[in-house]
């Protein structure tokens, strides 16, 4: 019997499910169900049992589990569309390869470590064990121009997911970094692919890396002491499956509202953006200058006022609040 189908069935039910119902749903004998349940218990799965009621999952699994996530998200994600690995080179790279082979909208790749993580502008995104690295494939039916604001939407969704998962008061550093206090908690990389002949959007891969359980020693070893933090370091304990569920709920809600819910996401971005109204250093193209962050514009670009009182619209590059400059 396929153990993943049993896990997904258990995860899809909030309460008990009888052995008879499981055997019928899975097309196997009750003895086969009992044998697999025993094997899962031996692996550390918290499966409760009742003589009258049957079986239920009594907590999260001992590992990040695609079957568990699919069961919990059965109304959102089709079976077989979540792929979980202990370690990959990059969840974005792996998912882009799957997208090129026709993987459907909503496909997910998740891992607990990346060996070749990538950040914005070609930078390396250090991805040690202790984090959750997750990429989601979207095939939005919209104009190319509408996709230019998607990264801002993703930042809103990820910030909300962190708060939903554990209550951490995360904030957004323009454009797409998630901070907790004055240190980076999460990175986001959104990659777009166009159809060759028409140059119309083919797919978008949304990649998210969240520091969950890393220690101060982990960051020191990577040269990130004082720059990065994790939920655990800030006193927030989060189980990886729960974090993944909150993240996927938030990202799928975002995808359903895009682009019609622009005003709601723009307002949420402005509310939680730590860059606004702060003295900043702007690195755009070959220019570096000091300014004050004035406003987040409707396309999620940033309006800044330089020292001469001249406004600039920043759509790409790096904008660092001076209060964070020593950490960035």
Protein backbone atom coordinates (compact mmCIF):
# COMPACT_ATOMS: atom_id res chain seq x y z
CA UNK A 1 0.00 0.00 0.00
CA UNK A 2 1.18 3.51 -0.81
CA UNK A 3 1.96 5.06 2.59
CA UNK A 4 1.64 8.59 1.22
CA UNK A 5 -2.07 8.05 0.44
CA UNK A 6 -2.68 6.95 4.04
CA UNK A 7 -0.87 10.01 5.41
CA UNK A 8 -2.83 12.34 3.12
CA UNK A 9 -6.10 10.73 4.18
CA UNK A 10 -5.31 11.12 7.88
CA UNK A 11 -4.13 14.70 7.37
CA UNK A 12 -7.30 15.65 5.48
CA UNK A 13 -9.55 14.74 8.43
CA UNK A 14 -9.69 16.94 11.55
CA UNK A 15 -11.03 14.10 13.71
CA UNK A 16 -11.03 10.33 13.86
CA UNK A 17 -11.47 8.08 10.85
CA UNK A 18 -12.33 4.41 11.26
CA UNK A 19 -10.15 1.60 10.03
CA UNK A 20 -13.04 0.38 7.87
CA UNK A 21 -13.44 3.78 6.20
CA UNK A 22 -9.69 3.97 5.57
CA UNK A 23 -9.58 0.51 4.04
CA UNK A 24 -12.46 1.36 1.71
CA UNK A 25 -10.99 4.72 0.71
CA UNK A 26 -7.58 3.18 0.01
CA UNK A 27 -8.85 -0.07 -1.52
CA UNK A 28 -6.91 -2.34 0.86
CA UNK A 29 -7.67 -4.58 3.81
CA UNK A 30 -7.99 -3.30 7.36
CA UNK A 31 -4.97 -5.45 8.18
CA UNK A 32 -2.90 -3.58 5.60
CA UNK A 33 -4.06 -0.26 7.07
CA UNK A 34 -3.12 -1.35 10.58
CA UNK A 35 0.31 -2.51 9.39
CA UNK A 36 1.08 0.88 7.79
CA UNK A 37 -0.25 2.79 10.80
CA UNK A 38 2.09 0.78 13.02
CA UNK A 39 5.01 1.55 10.71
CA UNK A 40 4.21 5.27 10.82
CA UNK A 41 4.08 5.19 14.61
CA UNK A 42 7.49 3.53 14.64
CA UNK A 43 8.76 6.45 12.52
CA UNK A 44 7.50 8.94 15.11
CA UNK A 45 4.14 9.92 13.65
CA UNK A 46 1.73 10.94 16.45
CA UNK A 47 -1.23 8.72 15.59
CA UNK A 48 -3.89 8.40 18.27
CA UNK A 49 -6.35 5.50 18.30
CA UNK A 50 -9.75 4.82 19.82
CA UNK A 51 -11.53 1.45 19.88
CA UNK A 52 -14.83 3.12 18.99
CA UNK A 53 -13.71 5.96 16.76
CA UNK A 54 -10.64 4.80 14.82
CA UNK A 55 -7.47 6.78 14.21
CA UNK A 56 -6.36 10.38 13.89
CA UNK A 57 -3.22 12.45 13.61
CA UNK A 58 -2.58 13.95 17.04
CA UNK A 59 -0.02 16.54 16.00
CA UNK A 60 2.41 17.41 13.23
CA UNK A 61 4.61 14.72 11.67
CA UNK A 62 8.25 14.22 12.70
CA UNK A 63 9.51 15.37 9.28
CA UNK A 64 8.50 17.84 6.60
CA UNK A 65 6.00 15.75 4.65
CA UNK A 66 4.52 16.31 1.19
CA UNK A 67 1.69 13.87 1.88
CA UNK A 68 0.78 15.63 5.13
CA UNK A 69 0.80 19.05 3.44
CA UNK A 70 -1.33 17.77 0.55
CA UNK A 71 -3.82 16.25 2.99
CA UNK A 72 -4.08 19.51 4.91
CA UNK A 73 -4.43 21.46 1.66
CA UNK A 74 -6.64 18.98 -0.19
CA UNK A 75 -9.10 21.75 -1.15
CA UNK A 76 -6.27 23.86 -2.61
CA UNK A 77 -3.54 21.63 -4.04
CA UNK A 78 -4.01 18.45 -6.07
CA UNK A 79 -2.34 15.21 -5.01
CA UNK A 80 1.21 14.82 -6.26
CA UNK A 81 1.83 18.54 -6.68
CA UNK A 82 3.99 19.03 -3.56
CA UNK A 83 7.57 17.76 -3.66
CA UNK A 84 9.64 17.74 -0.46
CA UNK A 85 13.38 17.14 -0.17
CA UNK A 86 15.83 17.15 2.71
CA UNK A 87 18.32 19.04 0.53
CA UNK A 88 18.33 20.55 -2.98
CA UNK A 89 20.60 22.90 -4.87
CA UNK A 90 17.80 25.48 -5.13
CA UNK A 91 14.04 25.04 -4.86
CA UNK A 92 13.59 27.73 -7.52
CA UNK A 93 15.99 26.01 -9.91
CA UNK A 94 14.32 22.65 -9.41
CA UNK A 95 10.82 24.07 -9.85
CA UNK A 96 11.80 26.03 -12.97
CA UNK A 97 12.99 22.79 -14.55
CA UNK A 98 9.66 21.17 -13.66
CA UNK A 99 7.77 24.18 -15.04
CA UNK A 100 9.62 23.88 -18.35
CA UNK A 101 8.37 20.28 -18.53
CA UNK A 102 4.77 21.40 -18.06
CA UNK A 103 4.26 21.24 -14.29
CA UNK A 104 0.85 22.74 -13.46
CA UNK A 105 -0.10 25.90 -11.59
CA UNK A 106 0.22 25.33 -7.85
CA UNK A 107 3.17 22.92 -7.96
CA UNK A 108 5.41 23.25 -4.89
CA UNK A 109 9.02 22.32 -4.12
CA UNK A 110 10.15 22.54 -0.49
CA UNK A 111 13.37 21.64 1.31
CA UNK A 112 15.10 22.07 4.65
CA UNK A 113 18.46 23.00 3.10
CA UNK A 114 19.75 24.46 -0.17
CA UNK A 115 23.29 23.97 -1.38
CA UNK A 116 23.14 26.63 -4.12
CA UNK A 117 20.42 29.04 -3.05
CA UNK A 118 20.03 32.18 -5.13
CA UNK A 119 19.01 35.69 -4.13
CA UNK A 120 18.16 38.84 -6.04
CA UNK A 121 20.59 40.30 -8.59
CA UNK A 122 22.50 37.02 -8.83
CA UNK A 123 23.60 36.98 -5.21
CA UNK A 124 24.09 33.77 -3.26
CA UNK A 125 21.35 33.11 -0.73
CA UNK A 126 22.90 31.14 2.12
CA UNK A 127 20.50 28.36 3.04
CA UNK A 128 21.76 26.26 5.95
CA UNK A 129 19.78 23.57 7.77
CA UNK A 130 17.23 25.08 10.13
CA UNK A 131 15.36 27.02 7.49
CA UNK A 132 12.34 26.36 5.31
CA UNK A 133 12.96 26.88 1.61
CA UNK A 134 9.84 26.75 -0.54
CA UNK A 135 8.97 27.62 -4.13
CA UNK A 136 5.51 27.86 -5.67
CA UNK A 137 4.71 27.74 -9.39
CA UNK A 138 2.09 30.18 -10.66
CA UNK A 139 0.70 30.44 -14.19
CA UNK A 140 -1.26 33.70 -13.92
CA UNK A 141 -3.44 34.68 -16.88
CA UNK A 142 -2.54 38.37 -16.85
CA UNK A 143 -0.66 40.92 -18.90
CA UNK A 144 3.11 41.14 -18.50
CA UNK A 145 2.87 44.69 -17.16
CA UNK A 146 0.65 43.51 -14.31
CA UNK A 147 3.30 41.05 -13.11
CA UNK A 148 5.81 43.79 -12.31
CA UNK A 149 4.06 44.41 -8.98
CA UNK A 150 3.83 40.72 -7.99
CA UNK A 151 6.97 40.74 -5.83
CA UNK A 152 5.36 43.35 -3.58
CA UNK A 153 2.28 41.16 -3.24
CA UNK A 154 4.47 38.18 -2.33
CA UNK A 155 6.20 40.18 0.42
CA UNK A 156 2.80 41.00 1.93
CA UNK A 157 1.75 37.33 1.82
CA UNK A 158 5.00 36.05 3.34
CA UNK A 159 4.95 38.62 6.14
CA UNK A 160 1.37 37.61 6.93
CA UNK A 161 2.27 33.92 6.90
CA UNK A 162 5.04 34.46 9.47
CA UNK A 163 2.64 36.32 11.74
CA UNK A 164 -0.07 33.68 11.29
CA UNK A 165 2.37 30.86 12.07
CA UNK A 166 3.75 32.19 15.33
CA UNK A 167 2.70 35.79 15.99
CA UNK A 168 6.12 37.26 15.13
CA UNK A 169 5.74 40.98 14.22
CA UNK A 170 7.67 40.74 10.96
CA UNK A 171 8.03 43.77 8.68
CA UNK A 172 8.98 44.39 5.05
CA UNK A 173 12.21 46.07 3.98
CA UNK A 174 11.71 47.42 0.46
CA UNK A 175 11.35 45.64 -1.84
CA UNK A 176 11.15 42.04 -0.75
CA UNK A 177 13.10 41.28 2.43
CA UNK A 178 11.27 40.27 5.59
CA UNK A 179 12.80 41.54 8.83
CA UNK A 180 12.22 40.77 12.48
CA UNK A 181 13.54 43.63 14.56
CA UNK A 182 16.64 44.93 12.80
CA UNK A 183 17.73 41.64 11.24
CA UNK A 184 16.77 39.74 8.12
CA UNK A 185 14.44 36.81 8.67
CA UNK A 186 13.40 35.87 5.17
CA UNK A 187 14.40 36.33 1.55
CA UNK A 188 12.15 36.25 -1.51
CA UNK A 189 13.09 35.58 -5.14
CA UNK A 190 10.41 35.89 -7.83
CA UNK A 191 11.39 34.68 -11.30
CA UNK A 192 9.36 35.16 -14.48
CA UNK A 193 9.53 33.12 -17.69
CA UNK A 194 8.13 34.35 -21.00
CA UNK A 195 6.83 32.40 -23.97
CA UNK A 196 9.46 32.66 -26.68
CA UNK A 197 7.31 33.53 -29.69
CA UNK A 198 4.83 35.95 -28.13
CA UNK A 199 6.83 37.21 -25.13
CA UNK A 200 3.68 36.67 -23.08
CA UNK A 201 4.01 35.38 -19.49
CA UNK A 202 4.46 31.62 -19.27
CA UNK A 203 4.96 31.11 -15.53
CA UNK A 204 6.24 32.69 -12.33
CA UNK A 205 8.24 30.87 -9.68
CA UNK A 206 7.94 32.41 -6.22
CA UNK A 207 10.79 31.35 -3.93
CA UNK A 208 10.81 31.97 -0.18
CA UNK A 209 13.50 31.18 2.40
CA UNK A 210 12.56 31.56 6.08
CA UNK A 211 15.07 31.25 8.91
CA UNK A 212 13.33 29.11 11.50
CA UNK A 213 15.65 27.24 13.85
CA UNK A 214 19.19 28.50 13.16
CA UNK A 215 21.32 29.46 16.15
CA UNK A 216 23.58 32.45 16.67
CA UNK A 217 26.52 30.10 16.11
CA UNK A 218 25.08 29.08 12.71
CA UNK A 219 24.97 32.70 11.58
CA UNK A 220 28.42 33.46 13.00
CA UNK A 221 29.88 30.57 10.99
CA UNK A 222 28.35 32.02 7.82
CA UNK A 223 29.53 35.56 8.51
CA UNK A 224 25.94 36.72 9.10
CA UNK A 225 26.26 37.60 12.77
CA UNK A 226 24.23 40.74 13.43
CA UNK A 227 22.71 40.58 9.93
CA UNK A 228 20.34 37.61 9.97
CA UNK A 229 18.10 36.13 12.61
CA UNK A 230 15.75 33.17 12.97
CA UNK A 231 12.36 32.72 14.55
CA UNK A 232 13.90 30.52 17.25
CA UNK A 233 16.52 33.15 18.10
CA UNK A 234 13.74 35.70 18.61
CA UNK A 235 11.76 33.34 20.86
CA UNK A 236 9.29 31.95 18.31
CA UNK A 237 9.19 28.18 18.00
CA UNK A 238 7.54 27.00 14.78
CA UNK A 239 7.19 23.49 13.42
CA UNK A 240 8.21 23.31 9.71
CA UNK A 241 4.97 21.75 8.43
CA UNK A 242 2.93 24.43 10.19
CA UNK A 243 5.10 27.17 8.69
CA UNK A 244 4.76 25.62 5.24
CA UNK A 245 0.97 25.41 5.61
CA UNK A 246 0.69 29.06 6.66
CA UNK A 247 2.94 30.09 3.79
CA UNK A 248 1.01 28.12 1.18
CA UNK A 249 -2.34 29.37 2.49
CA UNK A 250 -1.12 32.96 2.24
CA UNK A 251 0.45 32.53 -1.21
CA UNK A 252 -2.60 30.81 -2.66
CA UNK A 253 -4.89 33.49 -1.26
CA UNK A 254 -2.62 36.06 -2.88
CA UNK A 255 -2.71 34.25 -6.23
CA UNK A 256 -6.51 34.15 -6.16
CA UNK A 257 -6.74 37.89 -5.50
CA UNK A 258 -4.08 38.95 -8.02
CA UNK A 259 -4.41 41.46 -9.60
CA UNK A 260 -7.93 42.52 -8.56
CA UNK A 261 -7.01 43.02 -4.89
CA UNK A 262 -4.28 45.56 -5.62
CA UNK A 263 -5.49 48.23 -3.21
CA UNK A 264 -5.71 45.82 -0.26
CA UNK A 265 -2.20 44.46 -0.79
CA UNK A 266 -0.74 47.89 -1.44
CA UNK A 267 -2.22 49.20 1.81
CA UNK A 268 -0.90 46.19 3.74
CA UNK A 269 2.54 46.73 2.20
CA UNK A 270 2.60 50.38 3.22
CA UNK A 271 1.43 49.53 6.75
CA UNK A 272 4.20 47.02 7.34
CA UNK A 273 7.06 48.59 5.36
CA UNK A 274 9.92 49.51 7.71
CA UNK A 275 11.64 51.55 4.98
CA UNK A 276 8.99 54.26 4.73
CA UNK A 277 9.77 57.74 6.13
CA UNK A 278 13.32 56.66 7.02
CA UNK A 279 16.70 58.12 5.94
CA UNK A 280 18.04 55.61 3.43
CA UNK A 281 21.01 54.80 1.23
CA UNK A 282 19.95 54.13 -2.36
CA UNK A 283 21.98 51.95 -4.72
CA UNK A 284 20.39 52.11 -8.18
CA UNK A 285 22.35 51.43 -11.32
CA UNK A 286 25.74 53.12 -10.96
CA UNK A 287 24.45 55.64 -8.44
CA UNK A 288 24.62 55.60 -4.67
CA UNK A 289 23.07 58.47 -2.73
CA UNK A 290 21.35 59.37 0.53
CA UNK A 291 17.66 60.16 0.57
CA UNK A 292 14.45 59.86 2.58
CA UNK A 293 11.91 57.17 1.67
CA UNK A 294 8.73 59.08 0.96
CA UNK A 295 6.06 56.73 -0.41
CA UNK A 296 5.33 53.29 -1.85
CA UNK A 297 3.72 53.97 -5.22
CA UNK A 298 0.86 51.92 -6.74
CA UNK A 299 3.29 49.69 -8.67
CA UNK A 300 5.25 49.05 -5.42
CA UNK A 301 8.17 51.20 -6.57
CA UNK A 302 9.59 53.56 -3.94
CA UNK A 303 9.58 57.33 -4.10
CA UNK A 304 12.56 58.89 -2.34
CA UNK A 305 13.62 62.51 -1.87
CA UNK A 306 17.36 63.13 -2.13
CA UNK A 307 19.35 65.71 -0.16
CA UNK A 308 18.65 68.37 -2.78
CA UNK A 309 14.91 67.88 -2.43
CA UNK A 310 14.68 66.10 -5.79
CA UNK A 311 12.25 63.15 -5.97
CA UNK A 312 13.32 59.84 -7.51
CA UNK A 313 11.27 56.77 -8.35
CA UNK A 314 13.21 53.61 -7.48
CA UNK A 315 11.95 50.44 -9.16
CA UNK A 316 15.01 48.24 -8.69
CA UNK A 317 18.25 48.27 -6.80
CA UNK A 318 18.92 48.35 -3.09
CA UNK A 319 17.45 50.75 -0.56
CA UNK A 320 18.78 50.42 2.99
CA UNK A 321 17.49 52.39 5.97
CA UNK A 322 20.48 54.00 7.65
CA UNK A 323 19.35 52.48 10.94
CA UNK A 324 20.07 49.07 9.40
CA UNK A 325 23.16 50.09 7.44
CA UNK A 326 25.64 48.42 9.78
CA UNK A 327 23.63 45.19 9.52
CA UNK A 328 23.26 45.05 5.72
